[in-house]
Amino acid sequence: MEGDCIFCKIAKGEVNSEIIYENDNFFSIFDIHPKTDGHSLVISKKHFENALDMPSSLGAELLDCIKNTALKVMKDRNAEGFNILNNNFEAAGQVVNHVHFHILPRKKGDGVSVVG
């Protein structure tokens, strides 16, 4: 479903979105249904259905995008911490079948519940 994939369309510039950070293989944007202030998504530029489909060789670039996105969003939102979430397959809550990681900026006492 690469042709209908919203994240592929954003990666190709077919759908406009504010880019927070990007490198050669990943980019980050704000989630359109945020769970916290600054909730962001780190998305692969190439279409992989889930984390199991993504080559391990992309790990360093993935971590680079996660780190730089989290640092920027935490600073901009005065957050005290963050969660990284990745849902794989429908049973685990994956809605868009394109690998992506959620960055949830957190503040002490914000009332957000994350399974951990």
Protein backbone atom coordinates (compact mmCIF):
# COMPACT_ATOMS: atom_id res chain seq x y z
CA MET A 1 0.00 0.00 0.00
CA GLU A 2 2.95 2.28 -0.52
CA GLY A 3 1.02 4.44 -3.02
CA ASP A 4 -1.75 5.20 -0.51
CA CYS A 5 0.55 5.57 2.51
CA ILE A 6 0.26 9.00 4.14
CA PHE A 7 3.81 8.82 5.52
CA CYS A 8 5.21 8.01 2.05
CA LYS A 9 3.32 11.01 0.67
CA ILE A 10 4.79 13.26 3.37
CA ALA A 11 8.29 11.85 2.71
CA LYS A 12 7.92 12.59 -1.02
CA GLY A 13 6.64 16.13 -0.36
CA GLU A 14 3.19 15.34 -1.75
CA VAL A 15 1.58 16.25 1.57
CA ASN A 16 2.78 19.33 3.41
CA SER A 17 3.98 18.90 6.97
CA GLU A 18 6.26 20.79 9.34
CA ILE A 19 9.54 18.88 9.58
CA ILE A 20 11.13 18.99 13.03
CA TYR A 21 14.33 17.18 12.07
CA GLU A 22 15.58 14.98 9.25
CA ASN A 23 18.59 13.03 8.08
CA ASP A 24 19.15 10.82 5.02
CA ASN A 25 16.69 8.08 6.01
CA PHE A 26 14.33 9.53 8.65
CA PHE A 27 12.33 12.65 9.40
CA SER A 28 10.15 13.81 12.27
CA ILE A 29 6.86 15.69 12.34
CA PHE A 30 4.24 16.58 14.94
CA ASP A 31 1.45 14.03 15.45
CA ILE A 32 -1.93 15.30 14.24
CA HIS A 33 -3.60 13.64 17.26
CA PRO A 34 -1.16 14.50 20.07
CA LYS A 35 -1.26 12.67 23.39
CA THR A 36 1.06 15.27 24.96
CA ASP A 37 2.20 18.78 24.03
CA GLY A 38 4.85 18.27 21.34
CA HIS A 39 3.94 14.62 20.57
CA SER A 40 6.09 13.85 17.53
CA LEU A 41 6.62 11.01 15.08
CA VAL A 42 9.96 9.77 13.74
CA ILE A 43 9.27 8.18 10.35
CA SER A 44 11.42 6.29 7.85
CA LYS A 45 11.65 7.93 4.43
CA LYS A 46 11.47 4.50 2.78
CA HIS A 47 8.36 2.38 3.23
CA PHE A 48 8.76 -0.40 5.77
CA GLU A 49 5.56 -1.88 7.24
CA ASN A 50 6.92 -2.13 10.80
CA ALA A 51 10.15 -2.23 12.82
CA LEU A 52 10.76 -5.87 11.87
CA ASP A 53 10.90 -4.92 8.17
CA MET A 54 13.42 -2.12 8.71
CA PRO A 55 17.08 -3.05 8.11
CA SER A 56 19.23 -3.06 11.25
CA SER A 57 21.80 -1.00 9.33
CA LEU A 58 19.50 2.04 9.74
CA GLY A 59 19.72 1.88 13.54
CA ALA A 60 22.26 4.68 13.97
CA GLU A 61 20.27 7.08 11.78
CA LEU A 62 17.05 6.16 13.56
CA LEU A 63 18.64 6.92 16.93
CA ASP A 64 20.05 10.18 15.55
CA CYS A 65 16.57 11.31 14.48
CA ILE A 66 14.98 10.21 17.76
CA LYS A 67 17.62 12.01 19.83
CA ASN A 68 17.55 15.26 17.85
CA THR A 69 13.76 15.32 17.74
CA ALA A 70 13.46 14.66 21.49
CA LEU A 71 16.07 17.30 22.37
CA LYS A 72 14.37 19.97 20.22
CA VAL A 73 10.82 19.20 21.35
CA MET A 74 11.81 18.94 25.04
CA LYS A 75 13.55 22.32 24.84
CA ASP A 76 10.70 24.00 22.93
CA ARG A 77 8.01 22.57 25.24
CA ASN A 78 9.96 22.82 28.52
CA ALA A 79 9.52 19.07 29.00
CA GLU A 80 11.32 17.20 31.76
CA GLY A 81 11.51 13.83 30.00
CA PHE A 82 10.07 11.81 27.15
CA ASN A 83 8.78 8.38 26.14
CA ILE A 84 9.58 6.55 22.91
CA LEU A 85 6.79 4.27 21.69
CA ASN A 86 6.64 1.99 18.67
CA ASN A 87 3.54 -0.05 17.83
CA ASN A 88 3.95 -3.05 15.51
CA PHE A 89 0.95 -4.76 13.90
CA GLU A 90 -2.72 -4.00 14.50
CA ALA A 91 -2.91 -6.08 17.70
CA ALA A 92 -0.31 -3.76 19.27
CA GLY A 93 -2.08 -0.58 18.17
CA GLN A 94 -0.31 0.17 14.86
CA VAL A 95 -2.69 2.34 12.81
CA VAL A 96 -0.46 3.44 9.91
CA ASN A 97 1.40 0.52 8.34
CA HIS A 98 4.65 2.42 7.88
CA VAL A 99 7.32 2.16 10.57
CA HIS A 100 7.27 5.15 12.93
CA PHE A 101 8.21 5.94 16.50
CA HIS A 102 6.28 8.23 18.84
CA ILE A 103 8.16 10.78 20.94
CA LEU A 104 6.01 11.90 23.88
CA PRO A 105 7.46 14.87 25.78
CA ARG A 106 6.59 14.57 29.46
CA LYS A 107 6.30 16.79 32.52
CA LYS A 108 6.11 15.51 36.07
CA GLY A 109 2.48 15.00 37.08
CA ASP A 110 1.11 15.39 33.54
CA GLY A 111 -1.33 12.52 34.11
CA VAL A 112 -0.36 10.69 30.92
CA SER A 113 -0.37 6.92 31.36
CA VAL A 114 2.09 4.88 29.30
CA VAL A 115 2.49 1.12 29.65
CA GLY A 116 6.05 0.45 30.71
